[in-house]
């Protein structure tokens, strides 16, 4: 009976983790994306140039994921960096690349929709 209860708890926990709403993932949890922008954050859309041309967040620059590694120097003097894409996958990868290269205060803003909500 204990085993069945443990399995049930695990399944419930896993289910809720998979269905939890996506929110911005920040290494600077104490400050919102809006506050980061007010303090000079660099907003980086890591989608392709074609996706970026279809619309993005106001003030964002387009640095596609495949260029992030080679352009790390552009992030060094920024107090905060907020990366985002279409689903949060590419921006998560960009966040990891930047952090591995010593860039601090990087936030995964997930996607354009999440960013727009965060900036209201």
PDB file of N, CA and C in Angstrom:
ATOM      1  N   UNK A   1       0.825  -1.193   0.000  1.00  0.00           N
ATOM      2  CA  UNK A   1       0.000   0.000   0.000  1.00  0.00           C
ATOM      3  C   UNK A   1       0.871   1.261   0.000  1.00  0.00           C
ATOM      4  N   UNK A   2       1.994   1.228   0.753  1.00  0.00           N
ATOM      5  CA  UNK A   2       2.904   2.379   0.753  1.00  0.00           C
ATOM      6  C   UNK A   2       3.471   2.616  -0.640  1.00  0.00           C
ATOM      7  N   UNK A   3       3.788   1.530  -1.317  1.00  0.00           N
ATOM      8  CA  UNK A   3       4.352   1.647  -2.659  1.00  0.00           C
ATOM      9  C   UNK A   3       3.347   2.292  -3.608  1.00  0.00           C
ATOM     10  N   UNK A   4       2.099   1.868  -3.522  1.00  0.00           N
ATOM     11  CA  UNK A   4       1.058   2.430  -4.383  1.00  0.00           C
ATOM     12  C   UNK A   4       0.887   3.928  -4.106  1.00  0.00           C
ATOM     13  N   UNK A   5       0.909   4.295  -2.836  1.00  0.00           N
ATOM     14  CA  UNK A   5       0.791   5.705  -2.462  1.00  0.00           C
ATOM     15  C   UNK A   5       1.965   6.512  -2.976  1.00  0.00           C
ATOM     16  N   UNK A   6       3.157   5.956  -2.885  1.00  0.00           N
ATOM     17  CA  UNK A   6       4.351   6.647  -3.377  1.00  0.00           C
ATOM     18  C   UNK A   6       4.296   6.841  -4.886  1.00  0.00           C
ATOM     19  N   UNK A   7       3.862   5.819  -5.578  1.00  0.00           N
ATOM     20  CA  UNK A   7       3.745   5.900  -7.032  1.00  0.00           C
ATOM     21  C   UNK A   7       2.712   6.955  -7.419  1.00  0.00           C
ATOM     22  N   UNK A   8       1.585   6.955  -6.723  1.00  0.00           N
ATOM     23  CA  UNK A   8       0.534   7.926  -7.005  1.00  0.00           C
ATOM     24  C   UNK A   8       1.038   9.357  -6.777  1.00  0.00           C
ATOM     25  N   UNK A   9       1.754   9.586  -5.697  1.00  0.00           N
ATOM     26  CA  UNK A   9       2.314  10.912  -5.420  1.00  0.00           C
ATOM     27  C   UNK A   9       3.300  11.326  -6.510  1.00  0.00           C
ATOM     28  N   UNK A  10       4.138  10.398  -6.925  1.00  0.00           N
ATOM     29  CA  UNK A  10       5.108  10.687  -7.985  1.00  0.00           C
ATOM     30  C   UNK A  10       4.399  11.073  -9.275  1.00  0.00           C
ATOM     31  N   UNK A  11       3.383  10.306  -9.646  1.00  0.00           N
ATOM     32  CA  UNK A  11       2.647  10.576 -10.884  1.00  0.00           C
ATOM     33  C   UNK A  11       1.966  11.941 -10.799  1.00  0.00           C
ATOM     34  N   UNK A  12       1.341  12.257  -9.674  1.00  0.00           N
ATOM     35  CA  UNK A  12       0.697  13.559  -9.515  1.00  0.00           C
ATOM     36  C   UNK A  12       1.716  14.692  -9.598  1.00  0.00           C
ATOM     37  N   UNK A  13       2.845  14.525  -8.921  1.00  0.00           N
ATOM     38  CA  UNK A  13       3.885  15.553  -8.955  1.00  0.00           C
ATOM     39  C   UNK A  13       4.372  15.769 -10.377  1.00  0.00           C
ATOM     40  N   UNK A  14       4.655  14.687 -11.085  1.00  0.00           N
ATOM     41  CA  UNK A  14       5.149  14.771 -12.456  1.00  0.00           C
ATOM     42  C   UNK A  14       4.116  15.420 -13.365  1.00  0.00           C
ATOM     43  N   UNK A  15       2.852  15.073 -13.186  1.00  0.00           N
ATOM     44  CA  UNK A  15       1.778  15.638 -14.000  1.00  0.00           C
ATOM     45  C   UNK A  15       1.699  17.146 -13.820  1.00  0.00           C
ATOM     46  N   UNK A  16       1.758  17.605 -12.575  1.00  0.00           N
ATOM     47  CA  UNK A  16       1.666  19.040 -12.323  1.00  0.00           C
ATOM     48  C   UNK A  16       2.903  19.774 -12.828  1.00  0.00           C
ATOM     49  N   UNK A  17       4.044  19.149 -12.787  1.00  0.00           N
ATOM     50  CA  UNK A  17       5.250  19.783 -13.307  1.00  0.00           C
ATOM     51  C   UNK A  17       5.162  19.959 -14.817  1.00  0.00           C
ATOM     52  N   UNK A  18       4.604  18.994 -15.499  1.00  0.00           N
ATOM     53  CA  UNK A  18       4.508  19.060 -16.957  1.00  0.00           C
ATOM     54  C   UNK A  18       3.460  20.054 -17.421  1.00  0.00           C
ATOM     55  N   UNK A  19       2.444  20.314 -16.603  1.00  0.00           N
ATOM     56  CA  UNK A  19       1.377  21.212 -17.016  1.00  0.00           C
ATOM     57  C   UNK A  19       1.485  22.592 -16.393  1.00  0.00           C
ATOM     58  N   UNK A  20       2.527  22.838 -15.644  1.00  0.00           N
ATOM     59  CA  UNK A  20       2.701  24.152 -15.028  1.00  0.00           C
ATOM     60  C   UNK A  20       2.891  25.206 -16.113  1.00  0.00           C
ATOM     61  N   UNK A  21       2.288  26.396 -15.925  1.00  0.00           N
ATOM     62  CA  UNK A  21       2.467  27.440 -16.939  1.00  0.00           C
ATOM     63  C   UNK A  21       3.909  27.892 -17.010  1.00  0.00           C
ATOM     64  N   UNK A  22       4.337  28.244 -18.221  1.00  0.00           N
ATOM     65  CA  UNK A  22       5.703  28.712 -18.392  1.00  0.00           C
ATOM     66  C   UNK A  22       5.809  30.154 -17.944  1.00  0.00           C
ATOM     67  N   UNK A  23       6.803  30.426 -17.145  1.00  0.00           N
ATOM     68  CA  UNK A  23       7.090  31.796 -16.742  1.00  0.00           C
ATOM     69  C   UNK A  23       8.550  32.057 -17.045  1.00  0.00           C
ATOM     70  N   UNK A  24       8.901  33.309 -17.072  1.00  0.00           N
ATOM     71  CA  UNK A  24      10.286  33.666 -17.358  1.00  0.00           C
ATOM     72  C   UNK A  24      11.201  33.033 -16.332  1.00  0.00           C
ATOM     73  N   UNK A  25      12.312  32.511 -16.798  1.00  0.00           N
ATOM     74  CA  UNK A  25      13.310  31.874 -15.953  1.00  0.00           C
ATOM     75  C   UNK A  25      14.465  32.838 -15.782  1.00  0.00           C
ATOM     76  N   UNK A  26      14.667  33.283 -14.567  1.00  0.00           N
ATOM     77  CA  UNK A  26      15.678  34.309 -14.348  1.00  0.00           C
ATOM     78  C   UNK A  26      16.722  33.856 -13.345  1.00  0.00           C
ATOM     79  N   UNK A  27      17.974  34.176 -13.639  1.00  0.00           N
ATOM     80  CA  UNK A  27      19.029  33.956 -12.661  1.00  0.00           C
ATOM     81  C   UNK A  27      19.035  35.112 -11.675  1.00  0.00           C
ATOM     82  N   UNK A  28      18.185  36.095 -11.921  1.00  0.00           N
ATOM     83  CA  UNK A  28      18.044  37.259 -11.043  1.00  0.00           C
ATOM     84  C   UNK A  28      16.597  37.301 -10.569  1.00  0.00           C
ATOM     85  N   UNK A  29      16.174  36.293  -9.827  1.00  0.00           N
ATOM     86  CA  UNK A  29      14.784  36.128  -9.426  1.00  0.00           C
ATOM     87  C   UNK A  29      14.211  37.320  -8.656  1.00  0.00           C
ATOM     88  N   UNK A  30      15.034  38.155  -8.081  1.00  0.00           N
ATOM     89  CA  UNK A  30      14.555  39.250  -7.266  1.00  0.00           C
ATOM     90  C   UNK A  30      14.094  40.452  -8.078  1.00  0.00           C
ATOM     91  N   UNK A  31      14.312  40.468  -9.361  1.00  0.00           N
ATOM     92  CA  UNK A  31      13.978  41.627 -10.191  1.00  0.00           C
ATOM     93  C   UNK A  31      13.207  41.159 -11.419  1.00  0.00           C
ATOM     94  N   UNK A  32      12.102  41.834 -11.726  1.00  0.00           N
ATOM     95  CA  UNK A  32      11.266  41.438 -12.855  1.00  0.00           C
ATOM     96  C   UNK A  32      11.920  41.837 -14.180  1.00  0.00           C
ATOM     97  N   UNK A  33      11.423  41.265 -15.241  1.00  0.00           N
ATOM     98  CA  UNK A  33      11.927  41.625 -16.567  1.00  0.00           C
ATOM     99  C   UNK A  33      11.681  43.104 -16.827  1.00  0.00           C
ATOM    100  N   UNK A  34      10.528  43.594 -16.445  1.00  0.00           N
ATOM    101  CA  UNK A  34      10.221  45.017 -16.637  1.00  0.00           C
ATOM    102  C   UNK A  34      11.246  45.893 -15.915  1.00  0.00           C
ATOM    103  N   UNK A  35      11.601  45.521 -14.692  1.00  0.00           N
ATOM    104  CA  UNK A  35      12.608  46.277 -13.938  1.00  0.00           C
ATOM    105  C   UNK A  35      13.983  46.163 -14.603  1.00  0.00           C
ATOM    106  N   UNK A  36      14.290  44.974 -15.128  1.00  0.00           N
ATOM    107  CA  UNK A  36      15.557  44.800 -15.828  1.00  0.00           C
ATOM    108  C   UNK A  36      15.631  45.730 -17.038  1.00  0.00           C
ATOM    109  N   UNK A  37      14.543  45.824 -17.792  1.00  0.00           N
ATOM    110  CA  UNK A  37      14.500  46.698 -18.962  1.00  0.00           C
ATOM    111  C   UNK A  37      14.680  48.153 -18.531  1.00  0.00           C
ATOM    112  N   UNK A  38      14.017  48.533 -17.461  1.00  0.00           N
ATOM    113  CA  UNK A  38      14.149  49.907 -16.957  1.00  0.00           C
ATOM    114  C   UNK A  38      15.581  50.219 -16.532  1.00  0.00           C
ATOM    115  N   UNK A  39      16.326  49.177 -16.188  1.00  0.00           N
ATOM    116  CA  UNK A  39      17.716  49.358 -15.765  1.00  0.00           C
ATOM    117  C   UNK A  39      18.706  49.074 -16.889  1.00  0.00           C
ATOM    118  N   UNK A  40      18.228  49.051 -18.128  1.00  0.00           N
ATOM    119  CA  UNK A  40      19.130  48.921 -19.269  1.00  0.00           C
ATOM    120  C   UNK A  40      19.359  47.527 -19.798  1.00  0.00           C
ATOM    121  N   UNK A  41      18.441  46.601 -19.574  1.00  0.00           N
ATOM    122  CA  UNK A  41      18.597  45.237 -20.085  1.00  0.00           C
ATOM    123  C   UNK A  41      18.664  45.213 -21.602  1.00  0.00           C
ATOM    124  N   UNK A  42      19.439  44.271 -22.098  1.00  0.00           N
ATOM    125  CA  UNK A  42      19.504  44.008 -23.535  1.00  0.00           C
ATOM    126  C   UNK A  42      18.462  42.933 -23.839  1.00  0.00           C
ATOM    127  N   UNK A  43      17.489  43.240 -24.688  1.00  0.00           N
ATOM    128  CA  UNK A  43      16.468  42.279 -25.090  1.00  0.00           C
ATOM    129  C   UNK A  43      16.931  41.615 -26.377  1.00  0.00           C
ATOM    130  N   UNK A  44      17.046  40.295 -26.347  1.00  0.00           N
ATOM    131  CA  UNK A  44      17.606  39.575 -27.490  1.00  0.00           C
ATOM    132  C   UNK A  44      16.641  38.496 -27.974  1.00  0.00           C
ATOM    133  N   UNK A  45      16.176  38.662 -29.187  1.00  0.00           N
ATOM    134  CA  UNK A  45      15.328  37.691 -29.849  1.00  0.00           C
ATOM    135  C   UNK A  45      16.268  36.739 -30.590  1.00  0.00           C
ATOM    136  N   UNK A  46      16.312  35.477 -30.165  1.00  0.00           N
ATOM    137  CA  UNK A  46      17.268  34.526 -30.742  1.00  0.00           C
ATOM    138  C   UNK A  46      16.662  33.689 -31.878  1.00  0.00           C
ATOM    139  N   UNK A  47      15.517  34.127 -32.381  1.00  0.00           N
ATOM    140  CA  UNK A  47      14.908  33.437 -33.523  1.00  0.00           C
ATOM    141  C   UNK A  47      15.651  33.809 -34.804  1.00  0.00           C
ATOM    142  N   UNK A  48      15.269  33.208 -35.897  1.00  0.00           N
ATOM    143  CA  UNK A  48      15.887  33.498 -37.192  1.00  0.00           C
ATOM    144  C   UNK A  48      15.513  34.912 -37.632  1.00  0.00           C
ATOM    145  N   UNK A  49      16.285  35.492 -38.548  1.00  0.00           N
ATOM    146  CA  UNK A  49      15.928  36.816 -39.067  1.00  0.00           C
ATOM    147  C   UNK A  49      14.525  36.847 -39.691  1.00  0.00           C
ATOM    148  N   UNK A  50      14.126  35.765 -40.327  1.00  0.00           N
ATOM    149  CA  UNK A  50      12.794  35.704 -40.928  1.00  0.00           C
ATOM    150  C   UNK A  50      11.708  35.760 -39.847  1.00  0.00           C
ATOM    151  N   UNK A  51      11.896  35.016 -38.766  1.00  0.00           N
ATOM    152  CA  UNK A  51      10.924  35.043 -37.667  1.00  0.00           C
ATOM    153  C   UNK A  51      10.889  36.424 -37.015  1.00  0.00           C
ATOM    154  N   UNK A  52      12.062  37.009 -36.825  1.00  0.00           N
ATOM    155  CA  UNK A  52      12.170  38.335 -36.226  1.00  0.00           C
ATOM    156  C   UNK A  52      11.438  39.371 -37.084  1.00  0.00           C
ATOM    157  N   UNK A  53      11.561  39.259 -38.397  1.00  0.00           N
ATOM    158  CA  UNK A  53      10.917  40.197 -39.322  1.00  0.00           C
ATOM    159  C   UNK A  53       9.396  40.129 -39.222  1.00  0.00           C
ATOM    160  N   UNK A  54       8.876  38.996 -38.791  1.00  0.00           N
ATOM    161  CA  UNK A  54       7.420  38.838 -38.650  1.00  0.00           C
ATOM    162  C   UNK A  54       6.882  39.551 -37.412  1.00  0.00           C
ATOM    163  N   UNK A  55       7.771  40.048 -36.573  1.00  0.00           N
ATOM    164  CA  UNK A  55       7.355  40.787 -35.381  1.00  0.00           C
ATOM    165  C   UNK A  55       8.092  40.311 -34.149  1.00  0.00           C
ATOM    166  N   UNK A  56       8.420  41.269 -33.284  1.00  0.00           N
ATOM    167  CA  UNK A  56       9.135  40.952 -32.056  1.00  0.00           C
ATOM    168  C   UNK A  56       8.742  41.958 -30.986  1.00  0.00           C
ATOM    169  N   UNK A  57       9.445  41.925 -29.898  1.00  0.00           N
ATOM    170  CA  UNK A  57       9.217  42.839 -28.784  1.00  0.00           C
ATOM    171  C   UNK A  57       9.901  44.170 -29.100  1.00  0.00           C
ATOM    172  N   UNK A  58       9.236  45.239 -28.802  1.00  0.00           N
ATOM    173  CA  UNK A  58       9.801  46.576 -29.043  1.00  0.00           C
ATOM    174  C   UNK A  58      11.135  46.727 -28.314  1.00  0.00           C
ATOM    175  N   UNK A  59      12.141  47.174 -29.049  1.00  0.00           N
ATOM    176  CA  UNK A  59      13.457  47.404 -28.469  1.00  0.00           C
ATOM    177  C   UNK A  59      14.392  46.207 -28.515  1.00  0.00           C
ATOM    178  N   UNK A  60      13.891  45.073 -29.000  1.00  0.00           N
ATOM    179  CA  UNK A  60      14.719  43.867 -29.063  1.00  0.00           C
ATOM    180  C   UNK A  60      15.657  43.905 -30.262  1.00  0.00           C
ATOM    181  N   UNK A  61      16.802  43.255 -30.099  1.00  0.00           N
ATOM    182  CA  UNK A  61      17.730  43.050 -31.209  1.00  0.00           C
ATOM    183  C   UNK A  61      17.671  41.582 -31.602  1.00  0.00           C
ATOM    184  N   UNK A  62      17.977  41.306 -32.840  1.00  0.00           N
ATOM    185  CA  UNK A  62      17.954  39.939 -33.334  1.00  0.00           C
ATOM    186  C   UNK A  62      19.373  39.385 -33.404  1.00  0.00           C
ATOM    187  N   UNK A  63      19.643  38.413 -32.543  1.00  0.00           N
ATOM    188  CA  UNK A  63      20.896  37.659 -32.608  1.00  0.00           C
ATOM    189  C   UNK A  63      20.485  36.186 -32.617  1.00  0.00           C
ATOM    190  N   UNK A  64      20.392  35.580 -33.795  1.00  0.00           N
ATOM    191  CA  UNK A  64      19.955  34.192 -33.883  1.00  0.00           C
ATOM    192  C   UNK A  64      20.823  33.271 -33.016  1.00  0.00           C
ATOM    193  N   UNK A  65      20.204  32.217 -32.518  1.00  0.00           N
ATOM    194  CA  UNK A  65      20.899  31.284 -31.629  1.00  0.00           C
ATOM    195  C   UNK A  65      22.239  30.841 -32.184  1.00  0.00           C
ATOM    196  N   UNK A  66      22.311  30.549 -33.479  1.00  0.00           N
ATOM    197  CA  UNK A  66      23.565  30.049 -34.045  1.00  0.00           C
ATOM    198  C   UNK A  66      24.668  31.107 -34.107  1.00  0.00           C
ATOM    199  N   UNK A  67      24.352  32.355 -33.762  1.00  0.00           N
ATOM    200  CA  UNK A  67      25.350  33.415 -33.731  1.00  0.00           C
ATOM    201  C   UNK A  67      25.745  33.836 -32.311  1.00  0.00           C
ATOM    202  N   UNK A  68      25.004  33.381 -31.320  1.00  0.00           N
ATOM    203  CA  UNK A  68      25.222  33.825 -29.934  1.00  0.00           C
ATOM    204  C   UNK A  68      26.654  33.570 -29.476  1.00  0.00           C
ATOM    205  N   UNK A  69      27.171  32.371 -29.685  1.00  0.00           N
ATOM    206  CA  UNK A  69      28.521  32.020 -29.239  1.00  0.00           C
ATOM    207  C   UNK A  69      29.571  32.981 -29.801  1.00  0.00           C
ATOM    208  N   UNK A  70      29.457  33.316 -31.067  1.00  0.00           N
ATOM    209  CA  UNK A  70      30.432  34.192 -31.716  1.00  0.00           C
ATOM    210  C   UNK A  70      30.257  35.666 -31.372  1.00  0.00           C
ATOM    211  N   UNK A  71      29.138  36.006 -30.740  1.00  0.00           N
ATOM    212  CA  UNK A  71      28.857  37.415 -30.441  1.00  0.00           C
ATOM    213  C   UNK A  71      28.780  37.694 -28.941  1.00  0.00           C
ATOM    214  N   UNK A  72      29.372  36.819 -28.147  1.00  0.00           N
ATOM    215  CA  UNK A  72      29.329  36.951 -26.687  1.00  0.00           C
ATOM    216  C   UNK A  72      29.826  38.323 -26.227  1.00  0.00           C
ATOM    217  N   UNK A  73      30.798  38.876 -26.907  1.00  0.00           N
ATOM    218  CA  UNK A  73      31.345  40.174 -26.532  1.00  0.00           C
ATOM    219  C   UNK A  73      30.301  41.281 -26.481  1.00  0.00           C
ATOM    220  N   UNK A  74      29.245  41.157 -27.273  1.00  0.00           N
ATOM    221  CA  UNK A  74      28.200  42.170 -27.304  1.00  0.00           C
ATOM    222  C   UNK A  74      27.366  42.199 -26.016  1.00  0.00           C
ATOM    223  N   UNK A  75      27.476  41.157 -25.212  1.00  0.00           N
ATOM    224  CA  UNK A  75      26.669  41.045 -23.997  1.00  0.00           C
ATOM    225  C   UNK A  75      27.429  41.471 -22.743  1.00  0.00           C
ATOM    226  N   UNK A  76      28.745  41.558 -22.834  1.00  0.00           N
ATOM    227  CA  UNK A  76      29.588  41.733 -21.652  1.00  0.00           C
ATOM    228  C   UNK A  76      29.306  42.981 -20.814  1.00  0.00           C
ATOM    229  N   UNK A  77      28.979  44.087 -21.439  1.00  0.00           N
ATOM    230  CA  UNK A  77      28.806  45.322 -20.674  1.00  0.00           C
ATOM    231  C   UNK A  77      27.350  45.608 -20.299  1.00  0.00           C
ATOM    232  N   UNK A  78      26.479  44.654 -20.504  1.00  0.00           N
ATOM    233  CA  UNK A  78      25.060  44.855 -20.217  1.00  0.00           C
ATOM    234  C   UNK A  78      24.745  44.461 -18.774  1.00  0.00           C
ATOM    235  N   UNK A  79      23.960  45.294 -18.071  1.00  0.00           N
ATOM    236  CA  UNK A  79      23.623  44.959 -16.685  1.00  0.00           C
ATOM    237  C   UNK A  79      22.725  43.715 -16.598  1.00  0.00           C
ATOM    238  N   UNK A  80      21.853  43.547 -17.591  1.00  0.00           N
ATOM    239  CA  UNK A  80      20.958  42.392 -17.671  1.00  0.00           C
ATOM    240  C   UNK A  80      20.806  42.018 -19.132  1.00  0.00           C
ATOM    241  N   UNK A  81      20.560  40.719 -19.370  1.00  0.00           N
ATOM    242  CA  UNK A  81      20.287  40.226 -20.715  1.00  0.00           C
ATOM    243  C   UNK A  81      19.040  39.355 -20.615  1.00  0.00           C
ATOM    244  N   UNK A  82      18.060  39.649 -21.476  1.00  0.00           N
ATOM    245  CA  UNK A  82      16.837  38.856 -21.532  1.00  0.00           C
ATOM    246  C   UNK A  82      16.750  38.252 -22.925  1.00  0.00           C
ATOM    247  N   UNK A  83      16.799  36.927 -22.996  1.00  0.00           N
ATOM    248  CA  UNK A  83      16.723  36.225 -24.277  1.00  0.00           C
ATOM    249  C   UNK A  83      15.347  35.583 -24.411  1.00  0.00           C
ATOM    250  N   UNK A  84      14.842  35.526 -25.633  1.00  0.00           N
ATOM    251  CA  UNK A  84      13.550  34.888 -25.867  1.00  0.00           C
ATOM    252  C   UNK A  84      13.483  34.404 -27.306  1.00  0.00           C
ATOM    253  N   UNK A  85      12.524  33.535 -27.587  1.00  0.00           N
ATOM    254  CA  UNK A  85      12.364  32.975 -28.933  1.00  0.00           C
ATOM    255  C   UNK A  85      10.890  32.682 -29.168  1.00  0.00           C
ATOM    256  N   UNK A  86      10.587  31.548 -29.748  1.00  0.00           N
ATOM    257  CA  UNK A  86       9.194  31.179 -30.019  1.00  0.00           C
ATOM    258  C   UNK A  86       8.615  30.300 -28.915  1.00  0.00           C
ATOM    259  N   UNK A  87       9.415  29.371 -28.400  1.00  0.00           N
ATOM    260  CA  UNK A  87       8.904  28.419 -27.409  1.00  0.00           C
ATOM    261  C   UNK A  87       9.687  28.404 -26.098  1.00  0.00           C
ATOM    262  N   UNK A  88      10.826  29.029 -26.070  1.00  0.00           N
ATOM    263  CA  UNK A  88      11.676  28.991 -24.881  1.00  0.00           C
ATOM    264  C   UNK A  88      12.831  28.020 -25.015  1.00  0.00           C
ATOM    265  N   UNK A  89      12.812  27.184 -26.045  1.00  0.00           N
ATOM    266  CA  UNK A  89      13.882  26.207 -26.240  1.00  0.00           C
ATOM    267  C   UNK A  89      15.188  26.885 -26.667  1.00  0.00           C
ATOM    268  N   UNK A  90      15.140  27.637 -27.729  1.00  0.00           N
ATOM    269  CA  UNK A  90      16.357  28.310 -28.216  1.00  0.00           C
ATOM    270  C   UNK A  90      16.858  29.343 -27.211  1.00  0.00           C
ATOM    271  N   UNK A  91      15.940  30.053 -26.572  1.00  0.00           N
ATOM    272  CA  UNK A  91      16.372  31.046 -25.584  1.00  0.00           C
ATOM    273  C   UNK A  91      17.002  30.362 -24.369  1.00  0.00           C
ATOM    274  N   UNK A  92      16.532  29.178 -24.024  1.00  0.00           N
ATOM    275  CA  UNK A  92      17.159  28.414 -22.944  1.00  0.00           C
ATOM    276  C   UNK A  92      18.581  28.017 -23.307  1.00  0.00           C
ATOM    277  N   UNK A  93      18.772  27.615 -24.562  1.00  0.00           N
ATOM    278  CA  UNK A  93      20.109  27.273 -25.030  1.00  0.00           C
ATOM    279  C   UNK A  93      21.012  28.508 -25.046  1.00  0.00           C
ATOM    280  N   UNK A  94      20.463  29.637 -25.486  1.00  0.00           N
ATOM    281  CA  UNK A  94      21.241  30.882 -25.521  1.00  0.00           C
ATOM    282  C   UNK A  94      21.651  31.283 -24.108  1.00  0.00           C
ATOM    283  N   UNK A  95      20.751  31.132 -23.160  1.00  0.00           N
ATOM    284  CA  UNK A  95      21.056  31.454 -21.756  1.00  0.00           C
ATOM    285  C   UNK A  95      22.226  30.609 -21.264  1.00  0.00           C
ATOM    286  N   UNK A  96      22.196  29.332 -21.573  1.00  0.00           N
ATOM    287  CA  UNK A  96      23.289  28.438 -21.159  1.00  0.00           C
ATOM    288  C   UNK A  96      24.608  28.853 -21.806  1.00  0.00           C
ATOM    289  N   UNK A  97      24.596  29.173 -23.076  1.00  0.00           N
ATOM    290  CA  UNK A  97      25.817  29.598 -23.781  1.00  0.00           C
ATOM    291  C   UNK A  97      26.384  30.843 -23.118  1.00  0.00           C
ATOM    292  N   UNK A  98      25.530  31.820 -22.872  1.00  0.00           N
ATOM    293  CA  UNK A  98      25.985  33.075 -22.277  1.00  0.00           C
ATOM    294  C   UNK A  98      26.554  32.852 -20.883  1.00  0.00           C
ATOM    295  N   UNK A  99      25.867  32.073 -20.075  1.00  0.00           N
ATOM    296  CA  UNK A  99      26.345  31.817 -18.712  1.00  0.00           C
ATOM    297  C   UNK A  99      27.658  31.049 -18.711  1.00  0.00           C
ATOM    298  N   UNK A 100      27.817  30.098 -19.625  1.00  0.00           N
ATOM    299  CA  UNK A 100      29.089  29.367 -19.727  1.00  0.00           C
ATOM    300  C   UNK A 100      30.239  30.279 -20.123  1.00  0.00           C
ATOM    301  N   UNK A 101      29.907  31.401 -20.753  1.00  0.00           N
ATOM    302  CA  UNK A 101      30.916  32.366 -21.183  1.00  0.00           C
ATOM    303  C   UNK A 101      31.033  33.546 -20.223  1.00  0.00           C
ATOM    304  N   UNK A 102      30.523  33.374 -19.023  1.00  0.00           N
ATOM    305  CA  UNK A 102      30.703  34.374 -17.982  1.00  0.00           C
ATOM    306  C   UNK A 102      29.727  35.533 -17.977  1.00  0.00           C
ATOM    307  N   UNK A 103      28.677  35.460 -18.775  1.00  0.00           N
ATOM    308  CA  UNK A 103      27.678  36.526 -18.777  1.00  0.00           C
ATOM    309  C   UNK A 103      26.714  36.254 -17.611  1.00  0.00           C
ATOM    310  N   UNK A 104      26.557  37.265 -16.780  1.00  0.00           N
ATOM    311  CA  UNK A 104      25.694  37.103 -15.599  1.00  0.00           C
ATOM    312  C   UNK A 104      24.376  37.830 -15.831  1.00  0.00           C
ATOM    313  N   UNK A 105      23.443  37.566 -14.957  1.00  0.00           N
ATOM    314  CA  UNK A 105      22.125  38.214 -15.000  1.00  0.00           C
ATOM    315  C   UNK A 105      21.407  37.987 -16.318  1.00  0.00           C
ATOM    316  N   UNK A 106      21.376  36.720 -16.746  1.00  0.00           N
ATOM    317  CA  UNK A 106      20.682  36.340 -17.974  1.00  0.00           C
ATOM    318  C   UNK A 106      19.329  35.741 -17.598  1.00  0.00           C
ATOM    319  N   UNK A 107      18.290  36.214 -18.257  1.00  0.00           N
ATOM    320  CA  UNK A 107      16.936  35.720 -18.031  1.00  0.00           C
ATOM    321  C   UNK A 107      16.405  35.104 -19.310  1.00  0.00           C
ATOM    322  N   UNK A 108      15.779  33.941 -19.180  1.00  0.00           N
ATOM    323  CA  UNK A 108      15.072  33.337 -20.307  1.00  0.00           C
ATOM    324  C   UNK A 108      13.643  33.853 -20.260  1.00  0.00           C
ATOM    325  N   UNK A 109      13.325  34.796 -21.140  1.00  0.00           N
ATOM    326  CA  UNK A 109      11.984  35.367 -21.185  1.00  0.00           C
ATOM    327  C   UNK A 109      10.969  34.479 -21.879  1.00  0.00           C
ATOM    328  N   UNK A 110      11.367  33.322 -22.327  1.00  0.00           N
ATOM    329  CA  UNK A 110      10.568  32.284 -22.974  1.00  0.00           C
ATOM    330  C   UNK A 110      10.178  32.661 -24.404  1.00  0.00           C
ATOM    331  N   UNK A 111       9.133  33.503 -24.579  1.00  0.00           N
ATOM    332  CA  UNK A 111       8.681  33.817 -25.934  1.00  0.00           C
ATOM    333  C   UNK A 111       8.125  35.235 -26.020  1.00  0.00           C
ATOM    334  N   UNK A 112       7.746  35.650 -27.209  1.00  0.00           N
ATOM    335  CA  UNK A 112       7.265  37.016 -27.423  1.00  0.00           C
ATOM    336  C   UNK A 112       6.035  37.288 -26.568  1.00  0.00           C
ATOM    337  N   UNK A 113       5.110  36.349 -26.518  1.00  0.00           N
ATOM    338  CA  UNK A 113       3.887  36.527 -25.735  1.00  0.00           C
ATOM    339  C   UNK A 113       4.187  36.718 -24.251  1.00  0.00           C
ATOM    340  N   UNK A 114       5.061  35.894 -23.709  1.00  0.00           N
ATOM    341  CA  UNK A 114       5.448  36.020 -22.304  1.00  0.00           C
ATOM    342  C   UNK A 114       6.134  37.356 -22.066  1.00  0.00           C
ATOM    343  N   UNK A 115       6.992  37.738 -22.980  1.00  0.00           N
ATOM    344  CA  UNK A 115       7.704  39.005 -22.844  1.00  0.00           C
ATOM    345  C   UNK A 115       6.731  40.176 -22.826  1.00  0.00           C
ATOM    346  N   UNK A 116       5.751  40.154 -23.717  1.00  0.00           N
ATOM    347  CA  UNK A 116       4.778  41.248 -23.760  1.00  0.00           C
ATOM    348  C   UNK A 116       4.016  41.345 -22.442  1.00  0.00           C
ATOM    349  N   UNK A 117       3.658  40.200 -21.862  1.00  0.00           N
ATOM    350  CA  UNK A 117       2.969  40.201 -20.560  1.00  0.00           C
ATOM    351  C   UNK A 117       3.887  40.748 -19.469  1.00  0.00           C
ATOM    352  N   UNK A 118       5.140  40.325 -19.482  1.00  0.00           N
ATOM    353  CA  UNK A 118       6.093  40.761 -18.463  1.00  0.00           C
ATOM    354  C   UNK A 118       6.372  42.261 -18.537  1.00  0.00           C
ATOM    355  N   UNK A 119       6.293  42.830 -19.727  1.00  0.00           N
ATOM    356  CA  UNK A 119       6.633  44.240 -19.916  1.00  0.00           C
ATOM    357  C   UNK A 119       5.455  45.190 -19.726  1.00  0.00           C
ATOM    358  N   UNK A 120       4.274  44.656 -19.476  1.00  0.00           N
ATOM    359  CA  UNK A 120       3.100  45.512 -19.256  1.00  0.00           C
ATOM    360  C   UNK A 120       3.197  46.226 -17.920  1.00  0.00           C
TER     361      UNK A 120
END
